[in-house]
Amino acid sequence: MTLLEIILAILVIVVIVIAIYFFFKGKIGKISLTRPVESRIDEYLDRRFESMVTEWALVRTPAVNRFKAQNEPVLGKNEAKVSELQGFEREINNTLSRMEDRLDILEQEIIKTN
């Protein structure tokens, strides 16, 4: 092998290692491989939003407390509704699967009688 071939092989290996590193690093958290920069910025802002608002004094504390007091009950009710709907969804899925099982049994009985 010539020196150029060795350098080229090392370069290819380095590129592959970097690609694998970023592929697996992108799987952690909410980082998307299709939008790596935007998703990293989104994740950073999600983690640091509250401290940034406090640090930059964007909103006064009484306004934040008033907002929380007004909206937390509504959010609690919505969360209760969502959990109720999820329970209903589980019930419906169980009912549908039982009905499908019954339908399969009926189809098998029809096949046997013919």
PDB file of N, CA and C in Angstrom:
ATOM      1  N   MET A   1       0.831  -1.176   0.000  1.00  0.00           N
ATOM      2  CA  MET A   1       0.000   0.000   0.000  1.00  0.00           C
ATOM      3  C   MET A   1       0.883   1.249   0.000  1.00  0.00           C
ATOM      4  N   THR A   2       0.444   2.192  -0.738  1.00  0.00           N
ATOM      5  CA  THR A   2       1.173   3.449  -0.767  1.00  0.00           C
ATOM      6  C   THR A   2       0.719   4.333   0.378  1.00  0.00           C
ATOM      7  N   LEU A   3       1.441   5.370   0.592  1.00  0.00           N
ATOM      8  CA  LEU A   3       1.115   6.304   1.660  1.00  0.00           C
ATOM      9  C   LEU A   3      -0.242   6.954   1.426  1.00  0.00           C
ATOM     10  N   LEU A   4      -0.557   7.264   0.190  1.00  0.00           N
ATOM     11  CA  LEU A   4      -1.833   7.873  -0.149  1.00  0.00           C
ATOM     12  C   LEU A   4      -2.993   6.929   0.169  1.00  0.00           C
ATOM     13  N   GLU A   5      -2.843   5.660  -0.129  1.00  0.00           N
ATOM     14  CA  GLU A   5      -3.886   4.673   0.165  1.00  0.00           C
ATOM     15  C   GLU A   5      -4.087   4.518   1.670  1.00  0.00           C
ATOM     16  N   ILE A   6      -2.998   4.548   2.430  1.00  0.00           N
ATOM     17  CA  ILE A   6      -3.096   4.432   3.888  1.00  0.00           C
ATOM     18  C   ILE A   6      -3.834   5.635   4.461  1.00  0.00           C
ATOM     19  N   ILE A   7      -3.487   6.825   4.002  1.00  0.00           N
ATOM     20  CA  ILE A   7      -4.150   8.041   4.478  1.00  0.00           C
ATOM     21  C   ILE A   7      -5.626   8.016   4.109  1.00  0.00           C
ATOM     22  N   LEU A   8      -5.923   7.580   2.898  1.00  0.00           N
ATOM     23  CA  LEU A   8      -7.312   7.491   2.455  1.00  0.00           C
ATOM     24  C   LEU A   8      -8.098   6.486   3.298  1.00  0.00           C
ATOM     25  N   ALA A   9      -7.497   5.338   3.612  1.00  0.00           N
ATOM     26  CA  ALA A   9      -8.159   4.325   4.439  1.00  0.00           C
ATOM     27  C   ALA A   9      -8.415   4.859   5.842  1.00  0.00           C
ATOM     28  N   ILE A  10      -7.442   5.551   6.405  1.00  0.00           N
ATOM     29  CA  ILE A  10      -7.620   6.137   7.744  1.00  0.00           C
ATOM     30  C   ILE A  10      -8.719   7.186   7.720  1.00  0.00           C
ATOM     31  N   LEU A  11      -8.760   7.996   6.686  1.00  0.00           N
ATOM     32  CA  LEU A  11      -9.789   9.015   6.552  1.00  0.00           C
ATOM     33  C   LEU A  11     -11.181   8.396   6.465  1.00  0.00           C
ATOM     34  N   VAL A  12     -11.318   7.323   5.708  1.00  0.00           N
ATOM     35  CA  VAL A  12     -12.604   6.637   5.577  1.00  0.00           C
ATOM     36  C   VAL A  12     -13.028   6.059   6.928  1.00  0.00           C
ATOM     37  N   ILE A  13     -12.088   5.470   7.648  1.00  0.00           N
ATOM     38  CA  ILE A  13     -12.397   4.888   8.955  1.00  0.00           C
ATOM     39  C   ILE A  13     -12.831   5.988   9.930  1.00  0.00           C
ATOM     40  N   VAL A  14     -12.148   7.122   9.912  1.00  0.00           N
ATOM     41  CA  VAL A  14     -12.504   8.231  10.802  1.00  0.00           C
ATOM     42  C   VAL A  14     -13.906   8.742  10.481  1.00  0.00           C
ATOM     43  N   VAL A  15     -14.228   8.877   9.206  1.00  0.00           N
ATOM     44  CA  VAL A  15     -15.557   9.346   8.810  1.00  0.00           C
ATOM     45  C   VAL A  15     -16.627   8.367   9.276  1.00  0.00           C
ATOM     46  N   ILE A  16     -16.377   7.079   9.133  1.00  0.00           N
ATOM     47  CA  ILE A  16     -17.343   6.065   9.570  1.00  0.00           C
ATOM     48  C   ILE A  16     -17.525   6.113  11.085  1.00  0.00           C
ATOM     49  N   VAL A  17     -16.440   6.245  11.824  1.00  0.00           N
ATOM     50  CA  VAL A  17     -16.525   6.309  13.285  1.00  0.00           C
ATOM     51  C   VAL A  17     -17.313   7.549  13.719  1.00  0.00           C
ATOM     52  N   ILE A  18     -17.059   8.686  13.087  1.00  0.00           N
ATOM     53  CA  ILE A  18     -17.788   9.913  13.423  1.00  0.00           C
ATOM     54  C   ILE A  18     -19.274   9.756  13.103  1.00  0.00           C
ATOM     55  N   ALA A  19     -19.582   9.164  11.959  1.00  0.00           N
ATOM     56  CA  ALA A  19     -20.988   8.958  11.593  1.00  0.00           C
ATOM     57  C   ALA A  19     -21.683   8.049  12.599  1.00  0.00           C
ATOM     58  N   ILE A  20     -21.035   6.979  13.009  1.00  0.00           N
ATOM     59  CA  ILE A  20     -21.623   6.061  13.997  1.00  0.00           C
ATOM     60  C   ILE A  20     -21.805   6.774  15.331  1.00  0.00           C
ATOM     61  N   TYR A  21     -20.810   7.567  15.734  1.00  0.00           N
ATOM     62  CA  TYR A  21     -20.907   8.314  16.992  1.00  0.00           C
ATOM     63  C   TYR A  21     -22.120   9.242  16.998  1.00  0.00           C
ATOM     64  N   PHE A  22     -22.275  10.036  15.947  1.00  0.00           N
ATOM     65  CA  PHE A  22     -23.398  10.964  15.908  1.00  0.00           C
ATOM     66  C   PHE A  22     -24.720  10.248  15.726  1.00  0.00           C
ATOM     67  N   PHE A  23     -24.721   9.086  15.076  1.00  0.00           N
ATOM     68  CA  PHE A  23     -25.959   8.317  14.946  1.00  0.00           C
ATOM     69  C   PHE A  23     -26.446   7.869  16.320  1.00  0.00           C
ATOM     70  N   PHE A  24     -25.545   7.291  17.118  1.00  0.00           N
ATOM     71  CA  PHE A  24     -25.964   6.819  18.432  1.00  0.00           C
ATOM     72  C   PHE A  24     -26.165   7.964  19.412  1.00  0.00           C
ATOM     73  N   LYS A  25     -25.439   9.040  19.277  1.00  0.00           N
ATOM     74  CA  LYS A  25     -25.642  10.201  20.133  1.00  0.00           C
ATOM     75  C   LYS A  25     -26.988  10.829  19.838  1.00  0.00           C
ATOM     76  N   GLY A  26     -27.425  10.795  18.588  1.00  0.00           N
ATOM     77  CA  GLY A  26     -28.716  11.343  18.209  1.00  0.00           C
ATOM     78  C   GLY A  26     -29.874  10.534  18.742  1.00  0.00           C
ATOM     79  N   LYS A  27     -29.648   9.294  19.121  1.00  0.00           N
ATOM     80  CA  LYS A  27     -30.713   8.456  19.659  1.00  0.00           C
ATOM     81  C   LYS A  27     -31.034   8.806  21.102  1.00  0.00           C
ATOM     82  N   ILE A  28     -30.172   9.550  21.772  1.00  0.00           N
ATOM     83  CA  ILE A  28     -30.385   9.893  23.169  1.00  0.00           C
ATOM     84  C   ILE A  28     -31.181  11.191  23.240  1.00  0.00           C
ATOM     85  N   GLY A  29     -32.198  11.220  24.064  1.00  0.00           N
ATOM     86  CA  GLY A  29     -32.992  12.429  24.221  1.00  0.00           C
ATOM     87  C   GLY A  29     -33.940  12.626  23.061  1.00  0.00           C
ATOM     88  N   LYS A  30     -34.235  13.892  22.811  1.00  0.00           N
ATOM     89  CA  LYS A  30     -35.195  14.226  21.765  1.00  0.00           C
ATOM     90  C   LYS A  30     -34.492  14.676  20.491  1.00  0.00           C
ATOM     91  N   ILE A  31     -33.239  14.323  20.325  1.00  0.00           N
ATOM     92  CA  ILE A  31     -32.476  14.793  19.176  1.00  0.00           C
ATOM     93  C   ILE A  31     -32.856  13.982  17.949  1.00  0.00           C
ATOM     94  N   SER A  32     -33.211  14.682  16.909  1.00  0.00           N
ATOM     95  CA  SER A  32     -33.624  14.051  15.665  1.00  0.00           C
ATOM     96  C   SER A  32     -32.461  14.053  14.683  1.00  0.00           C
ATOM     97  N   LEU A  33     -32.275  12.951  14.000  1.00  0.00           N
ATOM     98  CA  LEU A  33     -31.205  12.879  13.015  1.00  0.00           C
ATOM     99  C   LEU A  33     -31.543  13.659  11.752  1.00  0.00           C
ATOM    100  N   THR A  34     -32.827  13.866  11.504  1.00  0.00           N
ATOM    101  CA  THR A  34     -33.212  14.600  10.305  1.00  0.00           C
ATOM    102  C   THR A  34     -33.070  16.102  10.505  1.00  0.00           C
ATOM    103  N   ARG A  35     -33.170  16.578  11.755  1.00  0.00           N
ATOM    104  CA  ARG A  35     -32.992  18.001  12.064  1.00  0.00           C
ATOM    105  C   ARG A  35     -32.074  18.123  13.271  1.00  0.00           C
ATOM    106  N   PRO A  36     -30.800  17.805  13.126  1.00  0.00           N
ATOM    107  CA  PRO A  36     -29.933  17.744  14.308  1.00  0.00           C
ATOM    108  C   PRO A  36     -29.733  19.080  15.009  1.00  0.00           C
ATOM    109  N   VAL A  37     -29.549  20.157  14.254  1.00  0.00           N
ATOM    110  CA  VAL A  37     -29.292  21.453  14.889  1.00  0.00           C
ATOM    111  C   VAL A  37     -30.542  21.962  15.594  1.00  0.00           C
ATOM    112  N   GLU A  38     -31.679  21.933  14.892  1.00  0.00           N
ATOM    113  CA  GLU A  38     -32.906  22.444  15.483  1.00  0.00           C
ATOM    114  C   GLU A  38     -33.312  21.635  16.707  1.00  0.00           C
ATOM    115  N   SER A  39     -33.169  20.322  16.638  1.00  0.00           N
ATOM    116  CA  SER A  39     -33.582  19.490  17.771  1.00  0.00           C
ATOM    117  C   SER A  39     -32.666  19.688  18.973  1.00  0.00           C
ATOM    118  N   ARG A  40     -31.377  19.921  18.731  1.00  0.00           N
ATOM    119  CA  ARG A  40     -30.474  20.190  19.855  1.00  0.00           C
ATOM    120  C   ARG A  40     -30.813  21.533  20.502  1.00  0.00           C
ATOM    121  N   ILE A  41     -31.130  22.524  19.680  1.00  0.00           N
ATOM    122  CA  ILE A  41     -31.521  23.828  20.225  1.00  0.00           C
ATOM    123  C   ILE A  41     -32.820  23.694  21.019  1.00  0.00           C
ATOM    124  N   ASP A  42     -33.781  22.955  20.475  1.00  0.00           N
ATOM    125  CA  ASP A  42     -35.045  22.734  21.185  1.00  0.00           C
ATOM    126  C   ASP A  42     -34.815  22.065  22.532  1.00  0.00           C
ATOM    127  N   GLU A  43     -33.957  21.036  22.534  1.00  0.00           N
ATOM    128  CA  GLU A  43     -33.692  20.328  23.782  1.00  0.00           C
ATOM    129  C   GLU A  43     -33.009  21.251  24.795  1.00  0.00           C
ATOM    130  N   TYR A  44     -32.062  22.061  24.332  1.00  0.00           N
ATOM    131  CA  TYR A  44     -31.384  23.006  25.222  1.00  0.00           C
ATOM    132  C   TYR A  44     -32.382  23.990  25.815  1.00  0.00           C
ATOM    133  N   LEU A  45     -33.247  24.541  24.973  1.00  0.00           N
ATOM    134  CA  LEU A  45     -34.230  25.502  25.466  1.00  0.00           C
ATOM    135  C   LEU A  45     -35.210  24.851  26.431  1.00  0.00           C
ATOM    136  N   ASP A  46     -35.603  23.608  26.155  1.00  0.00           N
ATOM    137  CA  ASP A  46     -36.509  22.911  27.062  1.00  0.00           C
ATOM    138  C   ASP A  46     -35.883  22.745  28.447  1.00  0.00           C
ATOM    139  N   ARG A  47     -34.584  22.421  28.470  1.00  0.00           N
ATOM    140  CA  ARG A  47     -33.918  22.208  29.752  1.00  0.00           C
ATOM    141  C   ARG A  47     -33.672  23.512  30.502  1.00  0.00           C
ATOM    142  N   ARG A  48     -33.379  24.578  29.780  1.00  0.00           N
ATOM    143  CA  ARG A  48     -32.947  25.801  30.430  1.00  0.00           C
ATOM    144  C   ARG A  48     -33.956  26.944  30.375  1.00  0.00           C
ATOM    145  N   PHE A  49     -35.165  26.698  29.914  1.00  0.00           N
ATOM    146  CA  PHE A  49     -36.113  27.780  29.689  1.00  0.00           C
ATOM    147  C   PHE A  49     -36.429  28.552  30.960  1.00  0.00           C
ATOM    148  N   GLU A  50     -36.758  27.837  32.017  1.00  0.00           N
ATOM    149  CA  GLU A  50     -37.154  28.518  33.251  1.00  0.00           C
ATOM    150  C   GLU A  50     -36.008  29.353  33.819  1.00  0.00           C
ATOM    151  N   SER A  51     -34.799  28.802  33.812  1.00  0.00           N
ATOM    152  CA  SER A  51     -33.667  29.573  34.338  1.00  0.00           C
ATOM    153  C   SER A  51     -33.339  30.767  33.442  1.00  0.00           C
ATOM    154  N   MET A  52     -33.538  30.624  32.139  1.00  0.00           N
ATOM    155  CA  MET A  52     -33.290  31.748  31.231  1.00  0.00           C
ATOM    156  C   MET A  52     -34.292  32.869  31.474  1.00  0.00           C
ATOM    157  N   VAL A  53     -35.547  32.519  31.671  1.00  0.00           N
ATOM    158  CA  VAL A  53     -36.567  33.536  31.943  1.00  0.00           C
ATOM    159  C   VAL A  53     -36.235  34.262  33.237  1.00  0.00           C
ATOM    160  N   THR A  54     -35.830  33.510  34.263  1.00  0.00           N
ATOM    161  CA  THR A  54     -35.469  34.122  35.544  1.00  0.00           C
ATOM    162  C   THR A  54     -34.223  34.978  35.399  1.00  0.00           C
ATOM    163  N   GLU A  55     -33.214  34.444  34.727  1.00  0.00           N
ATOM    164  CA  GLU A  55     -31.943  35.155  34.577  1.00  0.00           C
ATOM    165  C   GLU A  55     -32.108  36.455  33.794  1.00  0.00           C
ATOM    166  N   TRP A  56     -32.873  36.419  32.753  1.00  0.00           N
ATOM    167  CA  TRP A  56     -33.031  37.603  31.906  1.00  0.00           C
ATOM    168  C   TRP A  56     -34.162  38.510  32.389  1.00  0.00           C
ATOM    169  N   ALA A  57     -34.854  38.097  33.433  1.00  0.00           N
ATOM    170  CA  ALA A  57     -35.954  38.869  34.008  1.00  0.00           C
ATOM    171  C   ALA A  57     -36.989  39.218  32.942  1.00  0.00           C
ATOM    172  N   LEU A  58     -37.368  38.234  32.160  1.00  0.00           N
ATOM    173  CA  LEU A  58     -38.347  38.454  31.099  1.00  0.00           C
ATOM    174  C   LEU A  58     -39.751  38.614  31.654  1.00  0.00           C
ATOM    175  N   VAL A  59     -40.030  37.879  32.729  1.00  0.00           N
ATOM    176  CA  VAL A  59     -41.346  37.945  33.353  1.00  0.00           C
ATOM    177  C   VAL A  59     -41.131  38.100  34.854  1.00  0.00           C
ATOM    178  N   ARG A  60     -41.916  38.960  35.444  1.00  0.00           N
ATOM    179  CA  ARG A  60     -41.805  39.124  36.881  1.00  0.00           C
ATOM    180  C   ARG A  60     -42.404  37.913  37.588  1.00  0.00           C
ATOM    181  N   THR A  61     -41.896  37.618  38.757  1.00  0.00           N
ATOM    182  CA  THR A  61     -42.340  36.450  39.523  1.00  0.00           C
ATOM    183  C   THR A  61     -43.821  36.496  39.856  1.00  0.00           C
ATOM    184  N   PRO A  62     -44.395  37.627  40.258  1.00  0.00           N
ATOM    185  CA  PRO A  62     -45.845  37.633  40.539  1.00  0.00           C
ATOM    186  C   PRO A  62     -46.685  37.265  39.312  1.00  0.00           C
ATOM    187  N   ALA A  63     -46.239  37.693  38.130  1.00  0.00           N
ATOM    188  CA  ALA A  63     -46.982  37.356  36.914  1.00  0.00           C
ATOM    189  C   ALA A  63     -46.921  35.856  36.651  1.00  0.00           C
ATOM    190  N   VAL A  64     -45.764  35.273  36.894  1.00  0.00           N
ATOM    191  CA  VAL A  64     -45.621  33.820  36.709  1.00  0.00           C
ATOM    192  C   VAL A  64     -46.491  33.082  37.715  1.00  0.00           C
ATOM    193  N   ASN A  65     -46.463  33.514  38.952  1.00  0.00           N
ATOM    194  CA  ASN A  65     -47.283  32.857  39.982  1.00  0.00           C
ATOM    195  C   ASN A  65     -48.766  32.989  39.679  1.00  0.00           C
ATOM    196  N   ARG A  66     -49.173  34.156  39.198  1.00  0.00           N
ATOM    197  CA  ARG A  66     -50.577  34.365  38.832  1.00  0.00           C
ATOM    198  C   ARG A  66     -50.960  33.450  37.663  1.00  0.00           C
ATOM    199  N   PHE A  67     -50.067  33.346  36.677  1.00  0.00           N
ATOM    200  CA  PHE A  67     -50.324  32.459  35.533  1.00  0.00           C
ATOM    201  C   PHE A  67     -50.459  31.012  35.984  1.00  0.00           C
ATOM    202  N   LYS A  68     -49.552  30.585  36.865  1.00  0.00           N
ATOM    203  CA  LYS A  68     -49.617  29.209  37.378  1.00  0.00           C
ATOM    204  C   LYS A  68     -50.914  28.970  38.137  1.00  0.00           C
ATOM    205  N   ALA A  69     -51.287  29.928  38.979  1.00  0.00           N
ATOM    206  CA  ALA A  69     -52.504  29.767  39.771  1.00  0.00           C
ATOM    207  C   ALA A  69     -53.742  29.684  38.889  1.00  0.00           C
ATOM    208  N   GLN A  70     -53.767  30.420  37.791  1.00  0.00           N
ATOM    209  CA  GLN A  70     -54.917  30.403  36.897  1.00  0.00           C
ATOM    210  C   GLN A  70     -54.969  29.149  36.035  1.00  0.00           C
ATOM    211  N   ASN A  71     -53.818  28.644  35.624  1.00  0.00           N
ATOM    212  CA  ASN A  71     -53.805  27.572  34.623  1.00  0.00           C
ATOM    213  C   ASN A  71     -53.578  26.179  35.181  1.00  0.00           C
ATOM    214  N   GLU A  72     -53.029  26.046  36.370  1.00  0.00           N
ATOM    215  CA  GLU A  72     -52.785  24.708  36.908  1.00  0.00           C
ATOM    216  C   GLU A  72     -54.078  23.916  37.131  1.00  0.00           C
ATOM    217  N   PRO A  73     -55.161  24.521  37.634  1.00  0.00           N
ATOM    218  CA  PRO A  73     -56.402  23.731  37.779  1.00  0.00           C
ATOM    219  C   PRO A  73     -56.932  23.229  36.434  1.00  0.00           C
ATOM    220  N   VAL A  74     -56.848  24.080  35.424  1.00  0.00           N
ATOM    221  CA  VAL A  74     -57.314  23.686  34.087  1.00  0.00           C
ATOM    222  C   VAL A  74     -56.468  22.539  33.555  1.00  0.00           C
ATOM    223  N   LEU A  75     -55.146  22.660  33.733  1.00  0.00           N
ATOM    224  CA  LEU A  75     -54.261  21.593  33.271  1.00  0.00           C
ATOM    225  C   LEU A  75     -54.515  20.296  34.031  1.00  0.00           C
ATOM    226  N   GLY A  76     -54.785  20.398  35.328  1.00  0.00           N
ATOM    227  CA  GLY A  76     -55.102  19.211  36.121  1.00  0.00           C
ATOM    228  C   GLY A  76     -56.361  18.528  35.622  1.00  0.00           C
ATOM    229  N   LYS A  77     -57.394  19.329  35.303  1.00  0.00           N
ATOM    230  CA  LYS A  77     -58.630  18.756  34.761  1.00  0.00           C
ATOM    231  C   LYS A  77     -58.373  18.085  33.422  1.00  0.00           C
ATOM    232  N   ASN A  78     -57.574  18.738  32.585  1.00  0.00           N
ATOM    233  CA  ASN A  78     -57.261  18.153  31.275  1.00  0.00           C
ATOM    234  C   ASN A  78     -56.486  16.856  31.411  1.00  0.00           C
ATOM    235  N   GLU A  79     -55.559  16.812  32.361  1.00  0.00           N
ATOM    236  CA  GLU A  79     -54.813  15.578  32.585  1.00  0.00           C
ATOM    237  C   GLU A  79     -55.743  14.465  33.054  1.00  0.00           C
ATOM    238  N   ALA A  80     -56.716  14.804  33.899  1.00  0.00           N
ATOM    239  CA  ALA A  80     -57.687  13.812  34.363  1.00  0.00           C
ATOM    240  C   ALA A  80     -58.520  13.303  33.192  1.00  0.00           C
ATOM    241  N   LYS A  81     -58.923  14.217  32.307  1.00  0.00           N
ATOM    242  CA  LYS A  81     -59.693  13.805  31.130  1.00  0.00           C
ATOM    243  C   LYS A  81     -58.871  12.902  30.227  1.00  0.00           C
ATOM    244  N   VAL A  82     -57.594  13.233  30.056  1.00  0.00           N
ATOM    245  CA  VAL A  82     -56.723  12.421  29.204  1.00  0.00           C
ATOM    246  C   VAL A  82     -56.573  11.024  29.787  1.00  0.00           C
ATOM    247  N   SER A  83     -56.372  10.925  31.105  1.00  0.00           N
ATOM    248  CA  SER A  83     -56.239   9.592  31.712  1.00  0.00           C
ATOM    249  C   SER A  83     -57.545   8.815  31.593  1.00  0.00           C
ATOM    250  N   GLU A  84     -58.677   9.501  31.704  1.00  0.00           N
ATOM    251  CA  GLU A  84     -59.977   8.851  31.530  1.00  0.00           C
ATOM    252  C   GLU A  84     -60.126   8.338  30.099  1.00  0.00           C
ATOM    253  N   LEU A  85     -59.728   9.147  29.131  1.00  0.00           N
ATOM    254  CA  LEU A  85     -59.803   8.724  27.730  1.00  0.00           C
ATOM    255  C   LEU A  85     -58.859   7.567  27.434  1.00  0.00           C
ATOM    256  N   GLN A  86     -57.694   7.558  28.077  1.00  0.00           N
ATOM    257  CA  GLN A  86     -56.775   6.438  27.887  1.00  0.00           C
ATOM    258  C   GLN A  86     -57.366   5.153  28.453  1.00  0.00           C
ATOM    259  N   GLY A  87     -58.037   5.248  29.585  1.00  0.00           N
ATOM    260  CA  GLY A  87     -58.723   4.069  30.140  1.00  0.00           C
ATOM    261  C   GLY A  87     -59.813   3.592  29.212  1.00  0.00           C
ATOM    262  N   PHE A  88     -60.574   4.519  28.645  1.00  0.00           N
ATOM    263  CA  PHE A  88     -61.620   4.166  27.688  1.00  0.00           C
ATOM    264  C   PHE A  88     -61.014   3.502  26.452  1.00  0.00           C
ATOM    265  N   GLU A  89     -59.885   4.015  25.996  1.00  0.00           N
ATOM    266  CA  GLU A  89     -59.214   3.422  24.832  1.00  0.00           C
ATOM    267  C   GLU A  89     -58.786   1.986  25.124  1.00  0.00           C
ATOM    268  N   ARG A  90     -58.238   1.748  26.310  1.00  0.00           N
ATOM    269  CA  ARG A  90     -57.846   0.382  26.682  1.00  0.00           C
ATOM    270  C   ARG A  90     -59.066  -0.539  26.711  1.00  0.00           C
ATOM    271  N   GLU A  91     -60.173  -0.042  27.279  1.00  0.00           N
ATOM    272  CA  GLU A  91     -61.410  -0.826  27.329  1.00  0.00           C
ATOM    273  C   GLU A  91     -61.894  -1.191  25.930  1.00  0.00           C
ATOM    274  N   ILE A  92     -61.921  -0.209  25.056  1.00  0.00           N
ATOM    275  CA  ILE A  92     -62.387  -0.437  23.682  1.00  0.00           C
ATOM    276  C   ILE A  92     -61.467  -1.425  22.964  1.00  0.00           C
ATOM    277  N   ASN A  93     -60.166  -1.282  23.149  1.00  0.00           N
ATOM    278  CA  ASN A  93     -59.233  -2.207  22.503  1.00  0.00           C
ATOM    279  C   ASN A  93     -59.453  -3.635  23.005  1.00  0.00           C
ATOM    280  N   ASN A  94     -59.681  -3.791  24.304  1.00  0.00           N
ATOM    281  CA  ASN A  94     -59.962  -5.129  24.847  1.00  0.00           C
ATOM    282  C   ASN A  94     -61.253  -5.687  24.259  1.00  0.00           C
ATOM    283  N   THR A  95     -62.292  -4.853  24.190  1.00  0.00           N
ATOM    284  CA  THR A  95     -63.572  -5.291  23.624  1.00  0.00           C
ATOM    285  C   THR A  95     -63.405  -5.694  22.166  1.00  0.00           C
ATOM    286  N   LEU A  96     -62.683  -4.883  21.409  1.00  0.00           N
ATOM    287  CA  LEU A  96     -62.458  -5.206  19.991  1.00  0.00           C
ATOM    288  C   LEU A  96     -61.684  -6.497  19.820  1.00  0.00           C
ATOM    289  N   SER A  97     -60.679  -6.703  20.648  1.00  0.00           N
ATOM    290  CA  SER A  97     -59.912  -7.948  20.517  1.00  0.00           C
ATOM    291  C   SER A  97     -60.774  -9.159  20.877  1.00  0.00           C
ATOM    292  N   ARG A  98     -61.649  -9.030  21.896  1.00  0.00           N
ATOM    293  CA  ARG A  98     -62.562 -10.140  22.218  1.00  0.00           C
ATOM    294  C   ARG A  98     -63.538 -10.397  21.076  1.00  0.00           C
ATOM    295  N   MET A  99     -64.046  -9.312  20.468  1.00  0.00           N
ATOM    296  CA  MET A  99     -64.974  -9.476  19.344  1.00  0.00           C
ATOM    297  C   MET A  99     -64.281 -10.117  18.142  1.00  0.00           C
ATOM    298  N   GLU A 100     -63.017  -9.749  17.906  1.00  0.00           N
ATOM    299  CA  GLU A 100     -62.264 -10.368  16.812  1.00  0.00           C
ATOM    300  C   GLU A 100     -62.053 -11.855  17.073  1.00  0.00           C
ATOM    301  N   ASP A 101     -61.785 -12.202  18.336  1.00  0.00           N
ATOM    302  CA  ASP A 101     -61.638 -13.622  18.681  1.00  0.00           C
ATOM    303  C   ASP A 101     -62.936 -14.378  18.429  1.00  0.00           C
ATOM    304  N   ARG A 102     -64.055 -13.784  18.822  1.00  0.00           N
ATOM    305  CA  ARG A 102     -65.358 -14.413  18.572  1.00  0.00           C
ATOM    306  C   ARG A 102     -65.615 -14.570  17.083  1.00  0.00           C
ATOM    307  N   LEU A 103     -65.279 -13.541  16.323  1.00  0.00           N
ATOM    308  CA  LEU A 103     -65.463 -13.590  14.874  1.00  0.00           C
ATOM    309  C   LEU A 103     -64.618 -14.702  14.259  1.00  0.00           C
ATOM    310  N   ASP A 104     -63.380 -14.856  14.724  1.00  0.00           N
ATOM    311  CA  ASP A 104     -62.525 -15.934  14.222  1.00  0.00           C
ATOM    312  C   ASP A 104     -63.143 -17.303  14.509  1.00  0.00           C
ATOM    313  N   ILE A 105     -63.696 -17.452  15.723  1.00  0.00           N
ATOM    314  CA  ILE A 105     -64.331 -18.723  16.079  1.00  0.00           C
ATOM    315  C   ILE A 105     -65.535 -18.991  15.183  1.00  0.00           C
ATOM    316  N   LEU A 106     -66.356 -17.973  14.952  1.00  0.00           N
ATOM    317  CA  LEU A 106     -67.513 -18.128  14.071  1.00  0.00           C
ATOM    318  C   LEU A 106     -67.091 -18.476  12.638  1.00  0.00           C
ATOM    319  N   GLU A 107     -66.069 -17.827  12.145  1.00  0.00           N
ATOM    320  CA  GLU A 107     -65.571 -18.137  10.789  1.00  0.00           C
ATOM    321  C   GLU A 107     -65.080 -19.571  10.709  1.00  0.00           C
ATOM    322  N   GLN A 108     -64.412 -20.046  11.736  1.00  0.00           N
ATOM    323  CA  GLN A 108     -63.932 -21.435  11.738  1.00  0.00           C
ATOM    324  C   GLN A 108     -65.109 -22.408  11.780  1.00  0.00           C
ATOM    325  N   GLU A 109     -66.174 -22.085  12.535  1.00  0.00           N
ATOM    326  CA  GLU A 109     -67.338 -22.948  12.601  1.00  0.00           C
ATOM    327  C   GLU A 109     -68.057 -22.993  11.249  1.00  0.00           C
ATOM    328  N   ILE A 110     -68.113 -21.846  10.566  1.00  0.00           N
ATOM    329  CA  ILE A 110     -68.738 -21.807   9.235  1.00  0.00           C
ATOM    330  C   ILE A 110     -67.942 -22.651   8.252  1.00  0.00           C
ATOM    331  N   ILE A 111     -66.635 -22.569   8.329  1.00  0.00           N
ATOM    332  CA  ILE A 111     -65.786 -23.370   7.440  1.00  0.00           C
ATOM    333  C   ILE A 111     -65.980 -24.850   7.707  1.00  0.00           C
ATOM    334  N   LYS A 112     -66.094 -25.225   8.981  1.00  0.00           N
ATOM    335  CA  LYS A 112     -66.271 -26.634   9.340  1.00  0.00           C
ATOM    336  C   LYS A 112     -67.607 -27.169   8.844  1.00  0.00           C
ATOM    337  N   THR A 113     -68.673 -26.350   8.904  1.00  0.00           N
ATOM    338  CA  THR A 113     -69.985 -26.816   8.481  1.00  0.00           C
ATOM    339  C   THR A 113     -70.091 -26.932   6.974  1.00  0.00           C
ATOM    340  N   ASN A 114     -69.295 -26.216   6.232  1.00  0.00           N
ATOM    341  CA  ASN A 114     -69.347 -26.295   4.768  1.00  0.00           C
ATOM    342  C   ASN A 114     -68.493 -27.425   4.344  1.00  0.00           C
TER     343      ASN A 114
END
